[in-house]
Amino acid sequence: MMENKDAAECPAEAMLKTLSGKWKPQILRLAEKGAIRFNGVMKQLPDANKQSVSVALKELEEEGILSKTVISQKPLHIEYLLTEKGRGVIPLLLTLAELAQE
């Protein structure tokens, strides 16, 4: 059995914690198709609330899975794109989805 210290240092566990959370898998699914905007995410996830989506986007950005770009056209808006790390996560999520359907 792993000690708590060892569990906290496990990279796989850390990545699973990063990807878990309210709306993160759904947000990544949307980002797989291209740039996403906050309002677009809200329209695609009608059961989501603004705070939980905002927190999820911020956490995914902080972990280097999404990149945030401010577009200074009028009206000013923000787009999120998958980073290289984020694109690497997509096959993992697809595999998990396949396993869940078995």
PDB file of N, CA and C in Angstrom:
ATOM      1  N   MET A   1       0.844  -1.180   0.000  1.00  0.00           N
ATOM      2  CA  MET A   1       0.000   0.000   0.000  1.00  0.00           C
ATOM      3  C   MET A   1       0.887   1.241   0.000  1.00  0.00           C
ATOM      4  N   MET A   2       0.579   2.215  -0.834  1.00  0.00           N
ATOM      5  CA  MET A   2       1.382   3.431  -0.936  1.00  0.00           C
ATOM      6  C   MET A   2       1.104   4.349   0.234  1.00  0.00           C
ATOM      7  N   GLU A   3       2.158   4.996   0.701  1.00  0.00           N
ATOM      8  CA  GLU A   3       1.973   5.998   1.736  1.00  0.00           C
ATOM      9  C   GLU A   3       1.347   7.236   1.121  1.00  0.00           C
ATOM     10  N   ASN A   4       0.749   8.099   1.949  1.00  0.00           N
ATOM     11  CA  ASN A   4       0.121   9.319   1.447  1.00  0.00           C
ATOM     12  C   ASN A   4       1.107  10.180   0.690  1.00  0.00           C
ATOM     13  N   LYS A   5       2.357  10.269   1.190  1.00  0.00           N
ATOM     14  CA  LYS A   5       3.378  11.074   0.513  1.00  0.00           C
ATOM     15  C   LYS A   5       3.613  10.564  -0.902  1.00  0.00           C
ATOM     16  N   ASP A   6       3.730   9.224  -1.053  1.00  0.00           N
ATOM     17  CA  ASP A   6       3.949   8.647  -2.371  1.00  0.00           C
ATOM     18  C   ASP A   6       2.765   8.906  -3.300  1.00  0.00           C
ATOM     19  N   ALA A   7       1.562   8.820  -2.769  1.00  0.00           N
ATOM     20  CA  ALA A   7       0.362   9.057  -3.577  1.00  0.00           C
ATOM     21  C   ALA A   7       0.332  10.493  -4.082  1.00  0.00           C
ATOM     22  N   ALA A   8       0.753  11.420  -3.236  1.00  0.00           N
ATOM     23  CA  ALA A   8       0.735  12.828  -3.634  1.00  0.00           C
ATOM     24  C   ALA A   8       1.760  13.115  -4.713  1.00  0.00           C
ATOM     25  N   GLU A   9       2.780  12.286  -4.822  1.00  0.00           N
ATOM     26  CA  GLU A   9       3.835  12.516  -5.804  1.00  0.00           C
ATOM     27  C   GLU A   9       3.636  11.715  -7.088  1.00  0.00           C
ATOM     28  N   CYS A  10       2.582  10.960  -7.182  1.00  0.00           N
ATOM     29  CA  CYS A  10       2.312  10.134  -8.361  1.00  0.00           C
ATOM     30  C   CYS A  10       1.821  11.023  -9.502  1.00  0.00           C
ATOM     31  N   PRO A  11       2.574  11.100 -10.605  1.00  0.00           N
ATOM     32  CA  PRO A  11       2.158  11.962 -11.719  1.00  0.00           C
ATOM     33  C   PRO A  11       0.814  11.565 -12.324  1.00  0.00           C
ATOM     34  N   ALA A  12       0.529  10.274 -12.395  1.00  0.00           N
ATOM     35  CA  ALA A  12      -0.753   9.837 -12.971  1.00  0.00           C
ATOM     36  C   ALA A  12      -1.914  10.294 -12.089  1.00  0.00           C
ATOM     37  N   GLU A  13      -1.747  10.181 -10.788  1.00  0.00           N
ATOM     38  CA  GLU A  13      -2.802  10.620  -9.875  1.00  0.00           C
ATOM     39  C   GLU A  13      -3.009  12.123  -9.987  1.00  0.00           C
ATOM     40  N   ALA A  14      -1.907  12.857 -10.089  1.00  0.00           N
ATOM     41  CA  ALA A  14      -2.001  14.310 -10.227  1.00  0.00           C
ATOM     42  C   ALA A  14      -2.748  14.686 -11.510  1.00  0.00           C
ATOM     43  N   MET A  15      -2.474  13.977 -12.607  1.00  0.00           N
ATOM     44  CA  MET A  15      -3.153  14.272 -13.870  1.00  0.00           C
ATOM     45  C   MET A  15      -4.635  13.935 -13.782  1.00  0.00           C
ATOM     46  N   LEU A  16      -4.966  12.829 -13.137  1.00  0.00           N
ATOM     47  CA  LEU A  16      -6.376  12.473 -12.981  1.00  0.00           C
ATOM     48  C   LEU A  16      -7.120  13.517 -12.155  1.00  0.00           C
ATOM     49  N   LYS A  17      -6.470  14.027 -11.124  1.00  0.00           N
ATOM     50  CA  LYS A  17      -7.097  15.080 -10.324  1.00  0.00           C
ATOM     51  C   LYS A  17      -7.290  16.345 -11.152  1.00  0.00           C
ATOM     52  N   THR A  18      -6.316  16.651 -12.009  1.00  0.00           N
ATOM     53  CA  THR A  18      -6.414  17.825 -12.871  1.00  0.00           C
ATOM     54  C   THR A  18      -7.588  17.707 -13.828  1.00  0.00           C
ATOM     55  N   LEU A  19      -7.805  16.522 -14.359  1.00  0.00           N
ATOM     56  CA  LEU A  19      -8.858  16.315 -15.359  1.00  0.00           C
ATOM     57  C   LEU A  19     -10.228  16.082 -14.745  1.00  0.00           C
ATOM     58  N   SER A  20     -10.255  15.737 -13.474  1.00  0.00           N
ATOM     59  CA  SER A  20     -11.545  15.522 -12.833  1.00  0.00           C
ATOM     60  C   SER A  20     -12.087  16.872 -12.382  1.00  0.00           C
ATOM     61  N   GLY A  21     -13.321  16.897 -12.111  1.00  0.00           N
ATOM     62  CA  GLY A  21     -13.922  18.153 -11.684  1.00  0.00           C
ATOM     63  C   GLY A  21     -15.093  18.502 -12.570  1.00  0.00           C
ATOM     64  N   LYS A  22     -15.892  19.379 -12.048  1.00  0.00           N
ATOM     65  CA  LYS A  22     -17.120  19.762 -12.722  1.00  0.00           C
ATOM     66  C   LYS A  22     -16.829  20.331 -14.107  1.00  0.00           C
ATOM     67  N   TRP A  23     -17.332  19.697 -15.141  1.00  0.00           N
ATOM     68  CA  TRP A  23     -17.356  20.149 -16.528  1.00  0.00           C
ATOM     69  C   TRP A  23     -16.033  20.049 -17.283  1.00  0.00           C
ATOM     70  N   LYS A  24     -14.945  19.663 -16.640  1.00  0.00           N
ATOM     71  CA  LYS A  24     -13.662  19.639 -17.353  1.00  0.00           C
ATOM     72  C   LYS A  24     -13.649  18.685 -18.553  1.00  0.00           C
ATOM     73  N   PRO A  25     -14.086  17.435 -18.420  1.00  0.00           N
ATOM     74  CA  PRO A  25     -14.078  16.570 -19.604  1.00  0.00           C
ATOM     75  C   PRO A  25     -14.943  17.122 -20.744  1.00  0.00           C
ATOM     76  N   GLN A  26     -16.087  17.704 -20.394  1.00  0.00           N
ATOM     77  CA  GLN A  26     -16.962  18.267 -21.417  1.00  0.00           C
ATOM     78  C   GLN A  26     -16.309  19.480 -22.093  1.00  0.00           C
ATOM     79  N   ILE A  27     -15.645  20.306 -21.314  1.00  0.00           N
ATOM     80  CA  ILE A  27     -14.951  21.475 -21.874  1.00  0.00           C
ATOM     81  C   ILE A  27     -13.851  21.017 -22.815  1.00  0.00           C
ATOM     82  N   LEU A  28     -13.097  20.001 -22.426  1.00  0.00           N
ATOM     83  CA  LEU A  28     -12.028  19.494 -23.288  1.00  0.00           C
ATOM     84  C   LEU A  28     -12.585  18.888 -24.567  1.00  0.00           C
ATOM     85  N   ARG A  29     -13.727  18.235 -24.458  1.00  0.00           N
ATOM     86  CA  ARG A  29     -14.383  17.683 -25.659  1.00  0.00           C
ATOM     87  C   ARG A  29     -14.729  18.798 -26.638  1.00  0.00           C
ATOM     88  N   LEU A  30     -15.241  19.912 -26.102  1.00  0.00           N
ATOM     89  CA  LEU A  30     -15.571  21.059 -26.956  1.00  0.00           C
ATOM     90  C   LEU A  30     -14.315  21.687 -27.541  1.00  0.00           C
ATOM     91  N   ALA A  31     -13.266  21.794 -26.737  1.00  0.00           N
ATOM     92  CA  ALA A  31     -12.015  22.420 -27.197  1.00  0.00           C
ATOM     93  C   ALA A  31     -11.303  21.568 -28.237  1.00  0.00           C
ATOM     94  N   GLU A  32     -11.582  20.283 -28.250  1.00  0.00           N
ATOM     95  CA  GLU A  32     -10.978  19.396 -29.244  1.00  0.00           C
ATOM     96  C   GLU A  32     -11.350  19.837 -30.666  1.00  0.00           C
ATOM     97  N   LYS A  33     -12.523  20.431 -30.805  1.00  0.00           N
ATOM     98  CA  LYS A  33     -13.022  20.847 -32.116  1.00  0.00           C
ATOM     99  C   LYS A  33     -12.464  22.186 -32.572  1.00  0.00           C
ATOM    100  N   GLY A  34     -11.804  22.926 -31.672  1.00  0.00           N
ATOM    101  CA  GLY A  34     -11.257  24.238 -32.027  1.00  0.00           C
ATOM    102  C   GLY A  34     -11.399  25.212 -30.873  1.00  0.00           C
ATOM    103  N   ALA A  35     -11.118  26.464 -31.161  1.00  0.00           N
ATOM    104  CA  ALA A  35     -11.175  27.503 -30.128  1.00  0.00           C
ATOM    105  C   ALA A  35     -12.570  27.575 -29.516  1.00  0.00           C
ATOM    106  N   ILE A  36     -12.594  27.782 -28.205  1.00  0.00           N
ATOM    107  CA  ILE A  36     -13.869  27.920 -27.506  1.00  0.00           C
ATOM    108  C   ILE A  36     -13.897  29.246 -26.768  1.00  0.00           C
ATOM    109  N   ARG A  37     -15.098  29.748 -26.579  1.00  0.00           N
ATOM    110  CA  ARG A  37     -15.333  30.959 -25.796  1.00  0.00           C
ATOM    111  C   ARG A  37     -16.260  30.610 -24.647  1.00  0.00           C
ATOM    112  N   PHE A  38     -16.185  31.405 -23.603  1.00  0.00           N
ATOM    113  CA  PHE A  38     -16.979  31.159 -22.405  1.00  0.00           C
ATOM    114  C   PHE A  38     -18.464  31.033 -22.733  1.00  0.00           C
ATOM    115  N   ASN A  39     -19.020  31.998 -23.439  1.00  0.00           N
ATOM    116  CA  ASN A  39     -20.456  31.956 -23.760  1.00  0.00           C
ATOM    117  C   ASN A  39     -20.820  30.751 -24.614  1.00  0.00           C
ATOM    118  N   GLY A  40     -19.909  30.368 -25.504  1.00  0.00           N
ATOM    119  CA  GLY A  40     -20.146  29.176 -26.311  1.00  0.00           C
ATOM    120  C   GLY A  40     -20.198  27.921 -25.469  1.00  0.00           C
ATOM    121  N   VAL A  41     -19.319  27.846 -24.484  1.00  0.00           N
ATOM    122  CA  VAL A  41     -19.321  26.705 -23.566  1.00  0.00           C
ATOM    123  C   VAL A  41     -20.637  26.678 -22.794  1.00  0.00           C
ATOM    124  N   MET A  42     -21.062  27.838 -22.322  1.00  0.00           N
ATOM    125  CA  MET A  42     -22.309  27.912 -21.558  1.00  0.00           C
ATOM    126  C   MET A  42     -23.504  27.455 -22.402  1.00  0.00           C
ATOM    127  N   LYS A  43     -23.509  27.782 -23.683  1.00  0.00           N
ATOM    128  CA  LYS A  43     -24.601  27.350 -24.561  1.00  0.00           C
ATOM    129  C   LYS A  43     -24.561  25.846 -24.804  1.00  0.00           C
ATOM    130  N   GLN A  44     -23.346  25.297 -24.903  1.00  0.00           N
ATOM    131  CA  GLN A  44     -23.198  23.859 -25.166  1.00  0.00           C
ATOM    132  C   GLN A  44     -23.463  23.005 -23.924  1.00  0.00           C
ATOM    133  N   LEU A  45     -23.300  23.611 -22.743  1.00  0.00           N
ATOM    134  CA  LEU A  45     -23.517  22.901 -21.485  1.00  0.00           C
ATOM    135  C   LEU A  45     -24.629  23.596 -20.706  1.00  0.00           C
ATOM    136  N   PRO A  46     -25.869  23.419 -21.118  1.00  0.00           N
ATOM    137  CA  PRO A  46     -26.966  24.189 -20.529  1.00  0.00           C
ATOM    138  C   PRO A  46     -27.174  23.968 -19.027  1.00  0.00           C
ATOM    139  N   ASP A  47     -26.712  22.844 -18.484  1.00  0.00           N
ATOM    140  CA  ASP A  47     -26.877  22.593 -17.055  1.00  0.00           C
ATOM    141  C   ASP A  47     -25.762  23.210 -16.212  1.00  0.00           C
ATOM    142  N   ALA A  48     -24.751  23.752 -16.871  1.00  0.00           N
ATOM    143  CA  ALA A  48     -23.602  24.323 -16.159  1.00  0.00           C
ATOM    144  C   ALA A  48     -23.939  25.709 -15.617  1.00  0.00           C
ATOM    145  N   ASN A  49     -23.230  26.078 -14.556  1.00  0.00           N
ATOM    146  CA  ASN A  49     -23.373  27.444 -14.070  1.00  0.00           C
ATOM    147  C   ASN A  49     -22.082  28.198 -14.347  1.00  0.00           C
ATOM    148  N   LYS A  50     -22.168  29.511 -14.396  1.00  0.00           N
ATOM    149  CA  LYS A  50     -21.039  30.349 -14.788  1.00  0.00           C
ATOM    150  C   LYS A  50     -19.826  30.147 -13.897  1.00  0.00           C
ATOM    151  N   GLN A  51     -20.049  30.048 -12.598  1.00  0.00           N
ATOM    152  CA  GLN A  51     -18.921  29.934 -11.677  1.00  0.00           C
ATOM    153  C   GLN A  51     -18.151  28.635 -11.891  1.00  0.00           C
ATOM    154  N   SER A  52     -18.844  27.517 -12.032  1.00  0.00           N
ATOM    155  CA  SER A  52     -18.146  26.240 -12.184  1.00  0.00           C
ATOM    156  C   SER A  52     -17.396  26.173 -13.512  1.00  0.00           C
ATOM    157  N   VAL A  53     -17.957  26.720 -14.577  1.00  0.00           N
ATOM    158  CA  VAL A  53     -17.262  26.739 -15.870  1.00  0.00           C
ATOM    159  C   VAL A  53     -16.055  27.665 -15.801  1.00  0.00           C
ATOM    160  N   SER A  54     -16.216  28.808 -15.187  1.00  0.00           N
ATOM    161  CA  SER A  54     -15.114  29.751 -15.040  1.00  0.00           C
ATOM    162  C   SER A  54     -13.955  29.131 -14.264  1.00  0.00           C
ATOM    163  N   VAL A  55     -14.257  28.451 -13.167  1.00  0.00           N
ATOM    164  CA  VAL A  55     -13.228  27.800 -12.355  1.00  0.00           C
ATOM    165  C   VAL A  55     -12.540  26.699 -13.162  1.00  0.00           C
ATOM    166  N   ALA A  56     -13.315  25.909 -13.880  1.00  0.00           N
ATOM    167  CA  ALA A  56     -12.741  24.821 -14.678  1.00  0.00           C
ATOM    168  C   ALA A  56     -11.806  25.368 -15.758  1.00  0.00           C
ATOM    169  N   LEU A  57     -12.225  26.412 -16.459  1.00  0.00           N
ATOM    170  CA  LEU A  57     -11.374  27.011 -17.484  1.00  0.00           C
ATOM    171  C   LEU A  57     -10.078  27.550 -16.877  1.00  0.00           C
ATOM    172  N   LYS A  58     -10.189  28.206 -15.755  1.00  0.00           N
ATOM    173  CA  LYS A  58      -9.009  28.763 -15.092  1.00  0.00           C
ATOM    174  C   LYS A  58      -8.051  27.651 -14.669  1.00  0.00           C
ATOM    175  N   GLU A  59      -8.568  26.593 -14.076  1.00  0.00           N
ATOM    176  CA  GLU A  59      -7.719  25.488 -13.635  1.00  0.00           C
ATOM    177  C   GLU A  59      -7.059  24.780 -14.813  1.00  0.00           C
ATOM    178  N   LEU A  60      -7.791  24.577 -15.897  1.00  0.00           N
ATOM    179  CA  LEU A  60      -7.205  23.944 -17.084  1.00  0.00           C
ATOM    180  C   LEU A  60      -6.127  24.825 -17.701  1.00  0.00           C
ATOM    181  N   GLU A  61      -6.320  26.121 -17.641  1.00  0.00           N
ATOM    182  CA  GLU A  61      -5.298  27.046 -18.136  1.00  0.00           C
ATOM    183  C   GLU A  61      -4.065  27.005 -17.232  1.00  0.00           C
ATOM    184  N   GLU A  62      -4.271  27.033 -15.934  1.00  0.00           N
ATOM    185  CA  GLU A  62      -3.152  27.008 -14.987  1.00  0.00           C
ATOM    186  C   GLU A  62      -2.327  25.736 -15.102  1.00  0.00           C
ATOM    187  N   GLU A  63      -2.968  24.637 -15.479  1.00  0.00           N
ATOM    188  CA  GLU A  63      -2.271  23.361 -15.629  1.00  0.00           C
ATOM    189  C   GLU A  63      -1.623  23.208 -17.006  1.00  0.00           C
ATOM    190  N   GLY A  64      -1.790  24.205 -17.876  1.00  0.00           N
ATOM    191  CA  GLY A  64      -1.169  24.155 -19.195  1.00  0.00           C
ATOM    192  C   GLY A  64      -1.905  23.272 -20.184  1.00  0.00           C
ATOM    193  N   ILE A  65      -3.167  22.993 -19.922  1.00  0.00           N
ATOM    194  CA  ILE A  65      -3.962  22.160 -20.822  1.00  0.00           C
ATOM    195  C   ILE A  65      -4.702  23.017 -21.838  1.00  0.00           C
ATOM    196  N   LEU A  66      -5.104  24.196 -21.422  1.00  0.00           N
ATOM    197  CA  LEU A  66      -5.713  25.185 -22.316  1.00  0.00           C
ATOM    198  C   LEU A  66      -4.851  26.444 -22.312  1.00  0.00           C
ATOM    199  N   SER A  67      -4.809  27.114 -23.439  1.00  0.00           N
ATOM    200  CA  SER A  67      -4.176  28.434 -23.487  1.00  0.00           C
ATOM    201  C   SER A  67      -5.274  29.473 -23.675  1.00  0.00           C
ATOM    202  N   LYS A  68      -5.082  30.610 -23.058  1.00  0.00           N
ATOM    203  CA  LYS A  68      -6.076  31.685 -23.086  1.00  0.00           C
ATOM    204  C   LYS A  68      -5.526  32.817 -23.939  1.00  0.00           C
ATOM    205  N   THR A  69      -6.323  33.276 -24.880  1.00  0.00           N
ATOM    206  CA  THR A  69      -5.932  34.378 -25.757  1.00  0.00           C
ATOM    207  C   THR A  69      -6.997  35.456 -25.702  1.00  0.00           C
ATOM    208  N   VAL A  70      -6.576  36.679 -25.420  1.00  0.00           N
ATOM    209  CA  VAL A  70      -7.492  37.811 -25.422  1.00  0.00           C
ATOM    210  C   VAL A  70      -7.504  38.386 -26.831  1.00  0.00           C
ATOM    211  N   ILE A  71      -8.664  38.432 -27.443  1.00  0.00           N
ATOM    212  CA  ILE A  71      -8.838  38.970 -28.792  1.00  0.00           C
ATOM    213  C   ILE A  71      -9.341  40.404 -28.629  1.00  0.00           C
ATOM    214  N   SER A  72      -8.541  41.354 -29.072  1.00  0.00           N
ATOM    215  CA  SER A  72      -8.876  42.762 -28.809  1.00  0.00           C
ATOM    216  C   SER A  72      -9.757  43.399 -29.878  1.00  0.00           C
ATOM    217  N   GLN A  73     -10.418  42.578 -30.670  1.00  0.00           N
ATOM    218  CA  GLN A  73     -11.411  43.115 -31.590  1.00  0.00           C
ATOM    219  C   GLN A  73     -12.622  43.532 -30.777  1.00  0.00           C
ATOM    220  N   LYS A  74     -13.405  44.437 -31.328  1.00  0.00           N
ATOM    221  CA  LYS A  74     -14.625  44.826 -30.620  1.00  0.00           C
ATOM    222  C   LYS A  74     -15.756  43.923 -31.062  1.00  0.00           C
ATOM    223  N   PRO A  75     -16.471  43.330 -30.166  1.00  0.00           N
ATOM    224  CA  PRO A  75     -16.268  43.388 -28.722  1.00  0.00           C
ATOM    225  C   PRO A  75     -15.090  42.510 -28.304  1.00  0.00           C
ATOM    226  N   LEU A  76     -14.421  42.918 -27.260  1.00  0.00           N
ATOM    227  CA  LEU A  76     -13.311  42.179 -26.690  1.00  0.00           C
ATOM    228  C   LEU A  76     -13.802  40.798 -26.264  1.00  0.00           C
ATOM    229  N   HIS A  77     -13.043  39.761 -26.580  1.00  0.00           N
ATOM    230  CA  HIS A  77     -13.426  38.429 -26.138  1.00  0.00           C
ATOM    231  C   HIS A  77     -12.188  37.578 -25.885  1.00  0.00           C
ATOM    232  N   ILE A  78     -12.407  36.463 -25.226  1.00  0.00           N
ATOM    233  CA  ILE A  78     -11.329  35.553 -24.855  1.00  0.00           C
ATOM    234  C   ILE A  78     -11.615  34.199 -25.486  1.00  0.00           C
ATOM    235  N   GLU A  79     -10.572  33.619 -26.065  1.00  0.00           N
ATOM    236  CA  GLU A  79     -10.676  32.284 -26.638  1.00  0.00           C
ATOM    237  C   GLU A  79      -9.730  31.347 -25.897  1.00  0.00           C
ATOM    238  N   TYR A  80     -10.142  30.102 -25.799  1.00  0.00           N
ATOM    239  CA  TYR A  80      -9.324  29.062 -25.193  1.00  0.00           C
ATOM    240  C   TYR A  80      -9.046  28.001 -26.239  1.00  0.00           C
ATOM    241  N   LEU A  81      -7.786  27.580 -26.305  1.00  0.00           N
ATOM    242  CA  LEU A  81      -7.366  26.534 -27.227  1.00  0.00           C
ATOM    243  C   LEU A  81      -6.624  25.450 -26.468  1.00  0.00           C
ATOM    244  N   LEU A  82      -6.702  24.219 -26.970  1.00  0.00           N
ATOM    245  CA  LEU A  82      -5.902  23.156 -26.388  1.00  0.00           C
ATOM    246  C   LEU A  82      -4.427  23.431 -26.644  1.00  0.00           C
ATOM    247  N   THR A  83      -3.602  23.212 -25.650  1.00  0.00           N
ATOM    248  CA  THR A  83      -2.156  23.288 -25.819  1.00  0.00           C
ATOM    249  C   THR A  83      -1.684  21.918 -26.317  1.00  0.00           C
ATOM    250  N   GLU A  84      -0.396  21.776 -26.517  1.00  0.00           N
ATOM    251  CA  GLU A  84       0.141  20.473 -26.902  1.00  0.00           C
ATOM    252  C   GLU A  84      -0.163  19.447 -25.814  1.00  0.00           C
ATOM    253  N   LYS A  85       0.005  19.845 -24.572  1.00  0.00           N
ATOM    254  CA  LYS A  85      -0.321  18.967 -23.444  1.00  0.00           C
ATOM    255  C   LYS A  85      -1.809  18.601 -23.474  1.00  0.00           C
ATOM    256  N   GLY A  86      -2.651  19.574 -23.761  1.00  0.00           N
ATOM    257  CA  GLY A  86      -4.082  19.342 -23.841  1.00  0.00           C
ATOM    258  C   GLY A  86      -4.456  18.387 -24.958  1.00  0.00           C
ATOM    259  N   ARG A  87      -3.785  18.533 -26.112  1.00  0.00           N
ATOM    260  CA  ARG A  87      -4.052  17.605 -27.220  1.00  0.00           C
ATOM    261  C   ARG A  87      -3.629  16.185 -26.853  1.00  0.00           C
ATOM    262  N   GLY A  88      -2.607  16.061 -26.002  1.00  0.00           N
ATOM    263  CA  GLY A  88      -2.171  14.745 -25.549  1.00  0.00           C
ATOM    264  C   GLY A  88      -3.155  14.090 -24.595  1.00  0.00           C
ATOM    265  N   VAL A  89      -3.959  14.884 -23.939  1.00  0.00           N
ATOM    266  CA  VAL A  89      -4.939  14.380 -22.979  1.00  0.00           C
ATOM    267  C   VAL A  89      -6.168  13.794 -23.680  1.00  0.00           C
ATOM    268  N   ILE A  90      -6.491  14.306 -24.842  1.00  0.00           N
ATOM    269  CA  ILE A  90      -7.711  13.879 -25.549  1.00  0.00           C
ATOM    270  C   ILE A  90      -7.764  12.366 -25.773  1.00  0.00           C
ATOM    271  N   PRO A  91      -6.700  11.720 -26.275  1.00  0.00           N
ATOM    272  CA  PRO A  91      -6.785  10.264 -26.439  1.00  0.00           C
ATOM    273  C   PRO A  91      -7.039   9.522 -25.123  1.00  0.00           C
ATOM    274  N   LEU A  92      -6.510  10.051 -24.030  1.00  0.00           N
ATOM    275  CA  LEU A  92      -6.758   9.435 -22.721  1.00  0.00           C
ATOM    276  C   LEU A  92      -8.234   9.511 -22.361  1.00  0.00           C
ATOM    277  N   LEU A  93      -8.838  10.672 -22.584  1.00  0.00           N
ATOM    278  CA  LEU A  93     -10.264  10.829 -22.295  1.00  0.00           C
ATOM    279  C   LEU A  93     -11.118   9.931 -23.184  1.00  0.00           C
ATOM    280  N   LEU A  94     -10.736   9.809 -24.448  1.00  0.00           N
ATOM    281  CA  LEU A  94     -11.482   8.938 -25.358  1.00  0.00           C
ATOM    282  C   LEU A  94     -11.383   7.477 -24.918  1.00  0.00           C
ATOM    283  N   THR A  95     -10.196   7.065 -24.462  1.00  0.00           N
ATOM    284  CA  THR A  95     -10.018   5.699 -23.971  1.00  0.00           C
ATOM    285  C   THR A  95     -10.858   5.456 -22.724  1.00  0.00           C
ATOM    286  N   LEU A  96     -10.858   6.421 -21.819  1.00  0.00           N
ATOM    287  CA  LEU A  96     -11.692   6.297 -20.619  1.00  0.00           C
ATOM    288  C   LEU A  96     -13.176   6.186 -20.990  1.00  0.00           C
ATOM    289  N   ALA A  97     -13.600   6.962 -21.971  1.00  0.00           N
ATOM    290  CA  ALA A  97     -15.000   6.898 -22.408  1.00  0.00           C
ATOM    291  C   ALA A  97     -15.328   5.533 -23.000  1.00  0.00           C
ATOM    292  N   GLU A  98     -14.400   4.975 -23.778  1.00  0.00           N
ATOM    293  CA  GLU A  98     -14.624   3.641 -24.339  1.00  0.00           C
ATOM    294  C   GLU A  98     -14.716   2.596 -23.244  1.00  0.00           C
ATOM    295  N   LEU A  99     -13.828   2.684 -22.258  1.00  0.00           N
ATOM    296  CA  LEU A  99     -13.854   1.724 -21.154  1.00  0.00           C
ATOM    297  C   LEU A  99     -15.137   1.829 -20.370  1.00  0.00           C
ATOM    298  N   ALA A 100     -15.656   3.024 -20.202  1.00  0.00           N
ATOM    299  CA  ALA A 100     -16.887   3.238 -19.462  1.00  0.00           C
ATOM    300  C   ALA A 100     -18.090   2.628 -20.177  1.00  0.00           C
ATOM    301  N   GLN A 101     -18.008   2.528 -21.494  1.00  0.00           N
ATOM    302  CA  GLN A 101     -19.135   1.995 -22.267  1.00  0.00           C
ATOM    303  C   GLN A 101     -19.127   0.471 -22.347  1.00  0.00           C
ATOM    304  N   GLU A 102     -18.022  -0.144 -21.930  1.00  0.00           N
ATOM    305  CA  GLU A 102     -17.941  -1.632 -21.986  1.00  0.00           C
ATOM    306  C   GLU A 102     -18.771  -2.269 -20.916  1.00  0.00           C
TER     307      GLU A 102
END
